Amino acid sequence: MKLHELRDNPGAAKPAKRIGRGPGSGKGKTGGRGMKGQKSRSGVALNGYEGGQMPLYQRLPKRGFNKPNRKRYAAVNLGLIQKFIDAGKIDPEQAITEDVLVGCGLVRRRRDGIRVLAKGDFSARASIEVTGASRSAVEVVEKAGGSLTVTKAAVAE
């Protein structure tokens, strides 16, 4: 069998019904929109409209607050750092800074800093300097014989 020999099963594909093409088509005159009214006119979008009743999205309570100037950190797991060290993309002998993590492709962009999390196995003796880290990540790195220092890097506001 070749690609040009492939066919749908008989009756699987129906041609689209052409509307507004005369009375003989079965969808002539009003084109299946019925008589008069808002939905018979063109340019009408009634998404979320409930016929004068208060729409659902307005009835539901609004909760919480989104801080407009909150800090957003790029999260990195220790398991990923170890993977990059094993692959030879990061040198554990030198200090692993945020610039190193961005340079090797582990993090796409720094945002307001990089935060290290403890997910995954970490066994390298490495010195890591980042903007943030979880307590468990600090413990894992120190247990492996390295150090994880959290710096208050001057990030452009």
N, C-alpha and C. Protein backbone atom coordinates (compact mmCIF):
# COMPACT_ATOMS: atom_id res chain seq x y z
N MET A 1 0.84 -1.19 0.00
CA MET A 1 0.00 0.00 0.00
C MET A 1 0.88 1.25 0.00
N LYS A 2 0.49 2.23 -0.78
CA LYS A 2 1.23 3.49 -0.87
C LYS A 2 0.37 4.62 -0.32
N LEU A 3 1.01 5.76 -0.01
CA LEU A 3 0.29 6.89 0.58
C LEU A 3 -0.86 7.37 -0.30
N HIS A 4 -0.65 7.38 -1.60
CA HIS A 4 -1.71 7.88 -2.48
C HIS A 4 -2.87 6.91 -2.62
N GLU A 5 -2.71 5.70 -2.10
CA GLU A 5 -3.79 4.72 -2.16
C GLU A 5 -4.69 4.75 -0.92
N LEU A 6 -4.30 5.52 0.11
CA LEU A 6 -5.10 5.58 1.33
C LEU A 6 -6.43 6.31 1.08
N ARG A 7 -7.50 5.77 1.62
CA ARG A 7 -8.82 6.39 1.49
C ARG A 7 -9.55 6.25 2.82
N ASP A 8 -10.48 7.19 3.09
CA ASP A 8 -11.36 7.07 4.24
C ASP A 8 -12.32 5.90 4.04
N ASN A 9 -12.88 5.40 5.14
CA ASN A 9 -13.93 4.39 5.02
C ASN A 9 -15.14 5.05 4.37
N PRO A 10 -15.91 4.29 3.60
CA PRO A 10 -17.08 4.87 2.95
C PRO A 10 -18.04 5.46 4.00
N GLY A 11 -18.46 6.71 3.79
CA GLY A 11 -19.38 7.37 4.71
C GLY A 11 -18.70 8.05 5.89
N ALA A 12 -17.37 7.96 5.99
CA ALA A 12 -16.67 8.57 7.13
C ALA A 12 -16.57 10.07 6.97
N ALA A 13 -16.36 10.57 5.78
CA ALA A 13 -16.22 12.00 5.55
C ALA A 13 -17.43 12.52 4.80
N LYS A 14 -18.11 13.52 5.42
CA LYS A 14 -19.26 14.12 4.77
C LYS A 14 -18.88 15.49 4.26
N PRO A 15 -19.29 15.86 3.05
CA PRO A 15 -18.98 17.22 2.58
C PRO A 15 -19.73 18.25 3.41
N ALA A 16 -19.11 19.42 3.61
CA ALA A 16 -19.74 20.47 4.41
C ALA A 16 -20.99 20.99 3.71
N LYS A 17 -22.02 21.31 4.52
CA LYS A 17 -23.27 21.84 3.98
C LYS A 17 -23.06 23.31 3.64
N ARG A 18 -23.27 23.70 2.37
CA ARG A 18 -23.10 25.09 1.97
C ARG A 18 -24.38 25.84 2.26
N ILE A 19 -24.29 26.84 3.15
CA ILE A 19 -25.51 27.54 3.57
C ILE A 19 -25.67 28.85 2.81
N GLY A 20 -26.92 29.30 2.72
CA GLY A 20 -27.23 30.55 2.05
C GLY A 20 -27.04 30.49 0.55
N ARG A 21 -27.34 29.35 -0.08
CA ARG A 21 -27.14 29.21 -1.52
C ARG A 21 -28.45 28.84 -2.22
N GLY A 22 -29.53 29.47 -1.80
CA GLY A 22 -30.80 29.27 -2.49
C GLY A 22 -31.71 28.26 -1.81
N PRO A 23 -33.02 28.30 -2.12
CA PRO A 23 -33.98 27.43 -1.45
C PRO A 23 -33.77 25.95 -1.74
N GLY A 24 -33.21 25.62 -2.88
CA GLY A 24 -33.02 24.21 -3.22
C GLY A 24 -31.95 23.53 -2.38
N SER A 25 -31.12 24.31 -1.71
CA SER A 25 -30.02 23.69 -0.96
C SER A 25 -30.47 23.14 0.39
N GLY A 26 -31.66 23.58 0.83
CA GLY A 26 -32.11 23.14 2.16
C GLY A 26 -31.61 24.06 3.26
N LYS A 27 -30.69 24.95 2.94
CA LYS A 27 -30.19 25.92 3.94
C LYS A 27 -30.17 27.30 3.30
N GLY A 28 -31.23 27.64 2.59
CA GLY A 28 -31.29 28.92 1.91
C GLY A 28 -31.90 29.99 2.78
N LYS A 29 -32.19 31.14 2.20
CA LYS A 29 -32.83 32.29 2.83
C LYS A 29 -32.16 32.69 4.14
N THR A 30 -32.58 32.18 5.28
CA THR A 30 -32.02 32.62 6.56
C THR A 30 -30.73 31.87 6.91
N GLY A 31 -30.38 30.85 6.15
CA GLY A 31 -29.12 30.14 6.36
C GLY A 31 -29.04 29.38 7.67
N GLY A 32 -30.19 28.88 8.15
CA GLY A 32 -30.18 28.08 9.38
C GLY A 32 -30.14 28.90 10.65
N ARG A 33 -30.29 30.26 10.51
CA ARG A 33 -30.24 31.11 11.70
C ARG A 33 -31.62 31.44 12.26
N GLY A 34 -32.67 30.99 11.61
CA GLY A 34 -34.01 31.28 12.10
C GLY A 34 -34.42 32.70 11.74
N MET A 35 -35.50 33.18 12.37
CA MET A 35 -36.03 34.51 12.06
C MET A 35 -35.53 35.52 13.08
N LYS A 36 -35.22 36.72 12.63
CA LYS A 36 -34.91 37.89 13.47
C LYS A 36 -34.05 37.57 14.70
N GLY A 37 -33.93 38.51 15.56
CA GLY A 37 -33.23 38.31 16.82
C GLY A 37 -31.73 38.54 16.71
N GLN A 38 -31.09 38.67 17.88
CA GLN A 38 -29.67 39.01 17.93
C GLN A 38 -28.80 37.97 17.25
N LYS A 39 -29.15 36.70 17.42
CA LYS A 39 -28.29 35.64 16.88
C LYS A 39 -28.45 35.46 15.37
N SER A 40 -29.43 36.11 14.78
CA SER A 40 -29.57 36.01 13.33
C SER A 40 -28.71 37.05 12.62
N ARG A 41 -28.25 38.06 13.37
CA ARG A 41 -27.45 39.12 12.77
C ARG A 41 -25.97 38.73 12.70
N SER A 42 -25.24 39.41 11.83
CA SER A 42 -23.81 39.12 11.75
C SER A 42 -23.06 39.95 12.79
N GLY A 43 -21.85 39.52 13.14
CA GLY A 43 -21.01 40.26 14.06
C GLY A 43 -21.45 40.16 15.49
N VAL A 44 -22.08 39.06 15.89
CA VAL A 44 -22.56 38.91 17.27
C VAL A 44 -21.77 37.80 17.95
N ALA A 45 -21.20 38.11 19.11
CA ALA A 45 -20.52 37.09 19.90
C ALA A 45 -21.19 37.06 21.27
N LEU A 46 -21.81 35.95 21.60
CA LEU A 46 -22.57 35.86 22.84
C LEU A 46 -21.89 34.97 23.88
N ASN A 47 -20.57 34.90 23.84
CA ASN A 47 -19.87 34.06 24.82
C ASN A 47 -20.05 34.64 26.22
N GLY A 48 -20.57 33.85 27.12
CA GLY A 48 -20.73 34.30 28.50
C GLY A 48 -21.98 35.13 28.73
N TYR A 49 -22.79 35.38 27.68
CA TYR A 49 -24.01 36.17 27.84
C TYR A 49 -25.13 35.26 28.31
N GLU A 50 -25.87 35.71 29.35
CA GLU A 50 -26.91 34.85 29.91
C GLU A 50 -28.28 35.49 29.86
N GLY A 51 -28.56 36.27 28.81
CA GLY A 51 -29.90 36.79 28.60
C GLY A 51 -30.35 37.77 29.67
N GLY A 52 -29.46 38.60 30.16
CA GLY A 52 -29.84 39.59 31.15
C GLY A 52 -29.58 39.15 32.58
N GLN A 53 -29.52 37.83 32.81
CA GLN A 53 -29.13 37.34 34.14
C GLN A 53 -27.66 37.65 34.36
N MET A 54 -27.26 37.84 35.61
CA MET A 54 -25.85 38.14 35.92
C MET A 54 -25.00 36.94 35.49
N PRO A 55 -24.02 37.14 34.62
CA PRO A 55 -23.22 36.02 34.11
C PRO A 55 -22.43 35.30 35.22
N LEU A 56 -22.16 34.04 34.98
CA LEU A 56 -21.50 33.20 35.99
C LEU A 56 -20.17 33.80 36.43
N TYR A 57 -19.39 34.31 35.49
CA TYR A 57 -18.07 34.82 35.86
C TYR A 57 -18.17 36.07 36.74
N GLN A 58 -19.33 36.73 36.74
CA GLN A 58 -19.51 37.89 37.63
C GLN A 58 -20.13 37.47 38.96
N ARG A 59 -20.82 36.33 38.99
CA ARG A 59 -21.46 35.86 40.24
C ARG A 59 -20.45 35.23 41.18
N LEU A 60 -19.38 34.66 40.63
CA LEU A 60 -18.41 33.96 41.47
C LEU A 60 -17.57 34.96 42.27
N PRO A 61 -17.23 34.62 43.52
CA PRO A 61 -16.44 35.56 44.33
C PRO A 61 -15.01 35.66 43.83
N LYS A 62 -14.45 36.84 43.98
CA LYS A 62 -13.04 37.06 43.62
C LYS A 62 -12.23 36.94 44.90
N ARG A 63 -11.14 36.19 44.84
CA ARG A 63 -10.33 35.97 46.04
C ARG A 63 -8.87 36.27 45.76
N GLY A 64 -8.16 36.70 46.80
CA GLY A 64 -6.71 36.81 46.70
C GLY A 64 -6.25 38.11 46.08
N PHE A 65 -4.94 38.19 45.95
CA PHE A 65 -4.30 39.39 45.45
C PHE A 65 -3.02 38.98 44.74
N ASN A 66 -2.79 39.52 43.54
CA ASN A 66 -1.56 39.23 42.81
C ASN A 66 -0.65 40.44 42.90
N LYS A 67 0.46 40.25 43.59
CA LYS A 67 1.41 41.34 43.79
C LYS A 67 2.03 41.71 42.45
N PRO A 68 1.90 42.96 42.00
CA PRO A 68 2.39 43.32 40.67
C PRO A 68 3.91 43.34 40.55
N ASN A 69 4.61 43.54 41.67
CA ASN A 69 6.07 43.65 41.59
C ASN A 69 6.78 42.51 42.32
N ARG A 70 6.12 41.34 42.38
CA ARG A 70 6.73 40.23 43.10
C ARG A 70 7.96 39.70 42.37
N LYS A 71 8.86 39.08 43.12
CA LYS A 71 10.08 38.51 42.54
C LYS A 71 9.75 37.16 41.93
N ARG A 72 10.28 36.93 40.75
CA ARG A 72 10.11 35.63 40.10
C ARG A 72 11.48 35.03 39.91
N TYR A 73 11.69 33.83 40.45
CA TYR A 73 12.99 33.18 40.38
C TYR A 73 12.95 32.03 39.38
N ALA A 74 14.08 31.81 38.73
CA ALA A 74 14.22 30.64 37.87
C ALA A 74 14.61 29.48 38.79
N ALA A 75 13.82 28.43 38.81
CA ALA A 75 14.07 27.30 39.71
C ALA A 75 14.95 26.26 39.02
N VAL A 76 15.94 25.74 39.78
CA VAL A 76 16.84 24.70 39.27
C VAL A 76 16.93 23.59 40.31
N ASN A 77 16.78 22.36 39.89
CA ASN A 77 16.91 21.23 40.81
C ASN A 77 18.35 20.74 40.86
N LEU A 78 18.75 20.27 42.05
CA LEU A 78 20.12 19.79 42.22
C LEU A 78 20.42 18.60 41.32
N GLY A 79 19.41 17.77 41.06
CA GLY A 79 19.60 16.62 40.18
C GLY A 79 20.02 17.05 38.78
N LEU A 80 19.45 18.17 38.30
CA LEU A 80 19.81 18.68 36.97
C LEU A 80 21.24 19.21 36.96
N ILE A 81 21.63 19.90 38.04
CA ILE A 81 23.02 20.41 38.12
C ILE A 81 23.98 19.24 38.09
N GLN A 82 23.67 18.16 38.82
CA GLN A 82 24.53 16.97 38.83
C GLN A 82 24.61 16.34 37.44
N LYS A 83 23.48 16.33 36.73
CA LYS A 83 23.45 15.77 35.38
C LYS A 83 24.38 16.54 34.45
N PHE A 84 24.37 17.88 34.57
CA PHE A 84 25.23 18.72 33.74
C PHE A 84 26.70 18.57 34.13
N ILE A 85 26.96 18.33 35.42
CA ILE A 85 28.34 18.09 35.86
C ILE A 85 28.83 16.77 35.28
N ASP A 86 27.99 15.73 35.34
CA ASP A 86 28.36 14.42 34.80
C ASP A 86 28.60 14.49 33.29
N ALA A 87 27.83 15.34 32.60
CA ALA A 87 27.97 15.48 31.14
C ALA A 87 29.18 16.34 30.76
N GLY A 88 29.80 16.97 31.75
CA GLY A 88 30.97 17.80 31.49
C GLY A 88 30.63 19.21 31.04
N LYS A 89 29.37 19.60 31.18
CA LYS A 89 28.98 20.95 30.78
C LYS A 89 29.27 21.97 31.88
N ILE A 90 29.37 21.49 33.12
CA ILE A 90 29.71 22.37 34.25
C ILE A 90 30.94 21.78 34.93
N ASP A 91 31.90 22.65 35.26
CA ASP A 91 33.13 22.23 35.95
C ASP A 91 32.93 22.40 37.45
N PRO A 92 32.89 21.29 38.24
CA PRO A 92 32.64 21.39 39.68
C PRO A 92 33.82 21.99 40.44
N GLU A 93 35.00 22.04 39.83
CA GLU A 93 36.18 22.60 40.51
C GLU A 93 36.03 24.11 40.69
N GLN A 94 35.38 24.78 39.71
CA GLN A 94 35.17 26.22 39.82
C GLN A 94 33.82 26.50 40.48
N ALA A 95 33.68 27.71 41.00
CA ALA A 95 32.42 28.10 41.64
C ALA A 95 31.30 28.12 40.59
N ILE A 96 30.17 27.51 40.95
CA ILE A 96 29.02 27.48 40.05
C ILE A 96 28.15 28.69 40.38
N THR A 97 28.23 29.71 39.52
CA THR A 97 27.45 30.93 39.73
C THR A 97 26.24 30.92 38.80
N GLU A 98 25.43 31.96 38.93
CA GLU A 98 24.24 32.07 38.07
C GLU A 98 24.65 32.24 36.61
N ASP A 99 25.74 32.96 36.39
CA ASP A 99 26.22 33.15 35.01
C ASP A 99 26.64 31.82 34.38
N VAL A 100 27.24 30.94 35.19
CA VAL A 100 27.65 29.62 34.69
C VAL A 100 26.42 28.80 34.31
N LEU A 101 25.37 28.86 35.16
CA LEU A 101 24.15 28.08 34.90
C LEU A 101 23.44 28.56 33.64
N VAL A 102 23.47 29.87 33.39
CA VAL A 102 22.86 30.39 32.17
C VAL A 102 23.74 30.05 30.97
N GLY A 103 25.05 30.18 31.14
CA GLY A 103 25.99 29.93 30.04
C GLY A 103 25.98 28.51 29.53
N CYS A 104 25.78 27.53 30.43
CA CYS A 104 25.80 26.13 30.01
C CYS A 104 24.43 25.69 29.47
N GLY A 105 23.41 26.55 29.59
CA GLY A 105 22.10 26.22 29.04
C GLY A 105 21.16 25.56 30.02
N LEU A 106 21.55 25.47 31.29
CA LEU A 106 20.68 24.84 32.28
C LEU A 106 19.48 25.74 32.60
N VAL A 107 19.72 27.06 32.60
CA VAL A 107 18.66 28.03 32.84
C VAL A 107 18.59 28.93 31.62
N ARG A 108 17.38 29.21 31.15
CA ARG A 108 17.26 30.05 29.97
C ARG A 108 17.53 31.51 30.31
N ARG A 109 16.86 32.01 31.39
CA ARG A 109 17.13 33.40 31.80
C ARG A 109 17.03 33.50 33.32
N ARG A 110 17.78 34.45 33.87
CA ARG A 110 17.90 34.57 35.33
C ARG A 110 16.64 35.07 36.01
N ARG A 111 15.87 35.90 35.34
CA ARG A 111 14.73 36.60 35.95
C ARG A 111 15.24 37.44 37.13
N ASP A 112 14.65 37.26 38.34
CA ASP A 112 15.12 38.02 39.51
C ASP A 112 16.15 37.23 40.30
N GLY A 113 16.71 36.21 39.70
CA GLY A 113 17.70 35.36 40.36
C GLY A 113 17.37 33.90 40.13
N ILE A 114 18.28 33.04 40.58
CA ILE A 114 18.09 31.60 40.42
C ILE A 114 17.96 30.98 41.80
N ARG A 115 16.97 30.11 41.96
CA ARG A 115 16.74 29.44 43.24
C ARG A 115 16.97 27.95 43.06
N VAL A 116 17.81 27.38 43.93
CA VAL A 116 18.16 25.96 43.85
C VAL A 116 17.24 25.17 44.77
N LEU A 117 16.65 24.09 44.22
CA LEU A 117 15.77 23.21 44.99
C LEU A 117 16.42 21.83 45.10
N ALA A 118 15.98 21.04 46.08
CA ALA A 118 16.71 19.82 46.44
C ALA A 118 16.26 18.57 45.69
N LYS A 119 15.47 18.68 44.65
CA LYS A 119 14.97 17.49 43.96
C LYS A 119 16.10 16.80 43.20
N GLY A 120 16.19 15.50 43.30
CA GLY A 120 17.20 14.73 42.58
C GLY A 120 18.41 14.42 43.45
N ASP A 121 19.30 13.56 42.92
CA ASP A 121 20.52 13.17 43.64
C ASP A 121 21.64 14.14 43.32
N PHE A 122 22.44 14.45 44.33
CA PHE A 122 23.58 15.35 44.14
C PHE A 122 24.77 14.79 44.90
N SER A 123 25.88 14.56 44.21
CA SER A 123 27.04 13.95 44.87
C SER A 123 28.34 14.70 44.63
N ALA A 124 28.31 15.77 43.81
CA ALA A 124 29.55 16.47 43.46
C ALA A 124 29.96 17.42 44.58
N ARG A 125 31.30 17.53 44.80
CA ARG A 125 31.82 18.53 45.74
C ARG A 125 31.92 19.84 44.97
N ALA A 126 30.92 20.66 45.12
CA ALA A 126 30.86 21.88 44.31
C ALA A 126 30.51 23.06 45.20
N SER A 127 31.00 24.23 44.79
CA SER A 127 30.67 25.47 45.46
C SER A 127 29.66 26.22 44.58
N ILE A 128 28.45 26.39 45.11
CA ILE A 128 27.37 27.00 44.34
C ILE A 128 27.00 28.35 44.95
N GLU A 129 26.91 29.38 44.11
CA GLU A 129 26.52 30.72 44.57
C GLU A 129 25.30 31.18 43.77
N VAL A 130 24.15 31.27 44.45
CA VAL A 130 22.90 31.66 43.78
C VAL A 130 22.12 32.64 44.65
N THR A 131 21.04 33.18 44.09
CA THR A 131 20.22 34.16 44.80
C THR A 131 19.38 33.51 45.89
N GLY A 132 18.91 32.28 45.66
CA GLY A 132 18.07 31.63 46.65
C GLY A 132 18.25 30.12 46.64
N ALA A 133 17.93 29.50 47.77
CA ALA A 133 18.02 28.03 47.87
C ALA A 133 17.13 27.56 48.99
N SER A 134 16.57 26.36 48.84
CA SER A 134 15.78 25.78 49.91
C SER A 134 16.72 25.22 50.97
N ARG A 135 16.22 25.12 52.21
CA ARG A 135 17.07 24.60 53.31
C ARG A 135 17.57 23.20 52.99
N SER A 136 16.66 22.37 52.44
CA SER A 136 17.05 20.98 52.15
C SER A 136 18.12 20.93 51.07
N ALA A 137 18.10 21.89 50.11
CA ALA A 137 19.13 21.93 49.07
C ALA A 137 20.48 22.25 49.68
N VAL A 138 20.51 23.20 50.62
CA VAL A 138 21.76 23.56 51.31
C VAL A 138 22.31 22.35 52.05
N GLU A 139 21.43 21.60 52.72
CA GLU A 139 21.86 20.41 53.47
C GLU A 139 22.43 19.35 52.55
N VAL A 140 21.78 19.13 51.41
CA VAL A 140 22.24 18.09 50.47
C VAL A 140 23.62 18.43 49.92
N VAL A 141 23.83 19.69 49.56
CA VAL A 141 25.12 20.10 48.99
C VAL A 141 26.22 19.99 50.05
N GLU A 142 25.94 20.41 51.29
CA GLU A 142 26.94 20.33 52.35
C GLU A 142 27.23 18.89 52.73
N LYS A 143 26.22 18.03 52.65
CA LYS A 143 26.41 16.60 52.93
C LYS A 143 27.35 15.97 51.90
N ALA A 144 27.27 16.48 50.64
CA ALA A 144 28.13 15.97 49.57
C ALA A 144 29.55 16.55 49.66
N GLY A 145 29.77 17.48 50.60
CA GLY A 145 31.11 18.04 50.77
C GLY A 145 31.32 19.37 50.08
N GLY A 146 30.24 19.96 49.58
CA GLY A 146 30.36 21.25 48.90
C GLY A 146 29.77 22.37 49.74
N SER A 147 29.57 23.50 49.12
CA SER A 147 28.95 24.62 49.82
C SER A 147 27.96 25.32 48.91
N LEU A 148 26.84 25.76 49.50
CA LEU A 148 25.83 26.49 48.75
C LEU A 148 25.62 27.82 49.46
N THR A 149 26.08 28.90 48.86
CA THR A 149 25.92 30.22 49.46
C THR A 149 24.82 31.00 48.73
N VAL A 150 23.98 31.65 49.54
CA VAL A 150 22.90 32.46 49.01
C VAL A 150 23.37 33.90 49.03
N THR A 151 23.47 34.51 47.85
CA THR A 151 23.95 35.89 47.74
C THR A 151 22.78 36.82 47.49
N LYS A 152 22.88 38.00 48.02
CA LYS A 152 21.89 39.03 47.72
C LYS A 152 22.43 39.80 46.52
N ALA A 153 22.32 39.18 45.34
CA ALA A 153 22.88 39.76 44.12
C ALA A 153 22.12 41.04 43.77
N ALA A 154 22.84 42.03 43.29
CA ALA A 154 22.23 43.26 42.87
C ALA A 154 21.56 43.05 41.52
N VAL A 155 20.26 42.80 41.59
CA VAL A 155 19.51 42.53 40.36
C VAL A 155 18.88 43.84 39.92
N ALA A 156 18.97 44.15 38.65
CA ALA A 156 18.40 45.39 38.11
C ALA A 156 16.90 45.39 38.33
N GLU A 157 16.40 46.41 39.01
CA GLU A 157 14.96 46.50 39.30
C GLU A 157 14.23 47.03 38.09
